[in-house]
Structures are given as structure tokens and as C-alpha cells.
């Protein structure tokens, strides 16, 4: 596989959005004929080790060939540059 053949999915979530991440990742994998090319990156300020295990376990059960890459973000830095929308926790 060449690097440009990868299907990269990058998302932002936290513990509260774990069910949505599980549904999204499993849907992508179950509907893909190129599971070996899919790479997930998840940016978060708060996933527990149990959350990470749940995501990786589900992805492997759905045919993933590599683990989810977790990246820690500084939510305070994000808040500094984002304009919150009405009803936002920011």
C-alpha cells in the first residue's frame, strides 16, 4: 500500500461522544471493501483507557487492520480561538 492510498478519518470527540464514535467507526468499517487502507485518528481531551479499549475492540471486530490513533488536545487552547455557538459548553 502506498501512503496516498490510505483512507484517513480524523475526528474530535470526548467521553460523552463515545457512543457516536463507536457507531461512526463501525459503520465506516462495515461498509468498506478497503478495510486495510482505513486509518482512524481521534483528537480528544478526555478519553479513558476503557474508552480507547472499547473503540479498538469494536474496530478490530469490524475488520480494522490497525489501532485507532489517539491524540491529546489542549481544550483551553481550542477555546481561546473558537467562537462558541449558542448552547455550547465553551
Protein backbone atom coordinates (compact mmCIF):
# COMPACT_ATOMS: atom_id res chain seq x y z
CA UNK A 1 0.00 0.00 0.00
CA UNK A 2 1.30 3.42 -0.92
CA UNK A 3 0.83 6.20 1.59
CA UNK A 4 -1.59 8.06 -0.68
CA UNK A 5 -3.88 5.02 -0.86
CA UNK A 6 -4.89 5.36 2.79
CA UNK A 7 -8.37 6.42 3.77
CA UNK A 8 -7.77 8.66 6.77
CA UNK A 9 -10.61 9.57 9.08
CA UNK A 10 -9.91 12.27 11.67
CA UNK A 11 -12.44 13.28 14.28
CA UNK A 12 -12.79 15.17 17.53
CA UNK A 13 -14.67 13.70 20.48
CA UNK A 14 -14.62 13.17 24.21
CA UNK A 15 -16.06 10.59 26.60
CA UNK A 16 -19.61 11.90 26.09
CA UNK A 17 -19.38 11.17 22.36
CA UNK A 18 -18.04 7.63 22.72
CA UNK A 19 -21.33 6.04 21.51
CA UNK A 20 -21.28 8.24 18.41
CA UNK A 21 -17.63 7.41 17.72
CA UNK A 22 -18.39 3.69 18.09
CA UNK A 23 -21.29 3.93 15.65
CA UNK A 24 -19.32 6.04 13.15
CA UNK A 25 -16.20 3.88 13.13
CA UNK A 26 -18.12 0.61 12.89
CA UNK A 27 -20.29 1.98 10.06
CA UNK A 28 -17.22 3.08 8.09
CA UNK A 29 -15.54 -0.29 8.53
CA UNK A 30 -18.60 -2.42 7.84
CA UNK A 31 -19.39 -0.54 4.63
CA UNK A 32 -15.83 -0.51 3.28
CA UNK A 33 -14.23 -3.00 0.93
CA UNK A 34 -10.81 -1.50 1.74
CA UNK A 35 -10.57 -2.09 5.50
CA UNK A 36 -6.79 -2.50 5.26
CA UNK A 37 -6.49 1.09 3.98
CA UNK A 38 -8.55 2.77 6.72
CA UNK A 39 -6.73 4.75 9.40
CA UNK A 40 -8.60 6.44 12.25
CA UNK A 41 -7.27 9.43 14.20
CA UNK A 42 -9.22 10.74 17.15
CA UNK A 43 -8.41 14.04 18.86
CA UNK A 44 -9.68 14.39 22.42
CA UNK A 45 -9.17 16.00 25.77
CA UNK A 46 -10.68 13.14 27.71
CA UNK A 47 -10.87 9.50 26.73
CA UNK A 48 -10.30 6.94 29.44
CA UNK A 49 -8.23 3.83 28.81
CA UNK A 50 -11.53 1.90 28.87
CA UNK A 51 -12.88 4.17 26.11
CA UNK A 52 -9.79 3.55 23.99
CA UNK A 53 -10.05 -0.20 24.54
CA UNK A 54 -13.74 -0.16 23.59
CA UNK A 55 -13.02 1.73 20.35
CA UNK A 56 -10.14 -0.51 19.35
CA UNK A 57 -12.00 -3.70 20.25
CA UNK A 58 -15.01 -2.70 18.18
CA UNK A 59 -12.85 -1.61 15.24
CA UNK A 60 -10.97 -4.91 15.19
CA UNK A 61 -14.27 -6.85 15.40
CA UNK A 62 -15.45 -4.87 12.36
CA UNK A 63 -12.32 -5.72 10.38
CA UNK A 64 -9.86 -2.93 11.18
CA UNK A 65 -6.25 -3.80 10.44
CA UNK A 66 -4.64 -1.16 12.70
CA UNK A 67 -5.43 0.52 16.02
CA UNK A 68 -7.09 3.89 16.39
CA UNK A 69 -4.52 6.69 16.82
CA UNK A 70 -5.44 8.85 19.80
CA UNK A 71 -4.14 12.42 20.02
CA UNK A 72 -4.50 14.62 23.10
CA UNK A 73 -5.58 18.18 22.53
CA UNK A 74 -5.42 21.19 24.83
CA UNK A 75 -9.08 22.18 25.12
CA UNK A 76 -8.16 25.55 26.66
CA UNK A 77 -6.13 26.41 23.58
CA UNK A 78 -9.05 25.42 21.36
CA UNK A 79 -11.47 27.52 23.41
CA UNK A 80 -9.16 30.53 23.05
CA UNK A 81 -9.54 30.55 19.27
CA UNK A 82 -13.10 29.31 18.82
CA UNK A 83 -16.26 31.35 18.90
CA UNK A 84 -18.80 29.28 20.82
CA UNK A 85 -22.19 28.65 19.30
CA UNK A 86 -25.40 29.10 21.25
CA UNK A 87 -25.79 26.31 23.78
CA UNK A 88 -22.12 25.27 23.54
CA UNK A 89 -20.25 24.10 26.61
CA UNK A 90 -17.47 26.51 25.64
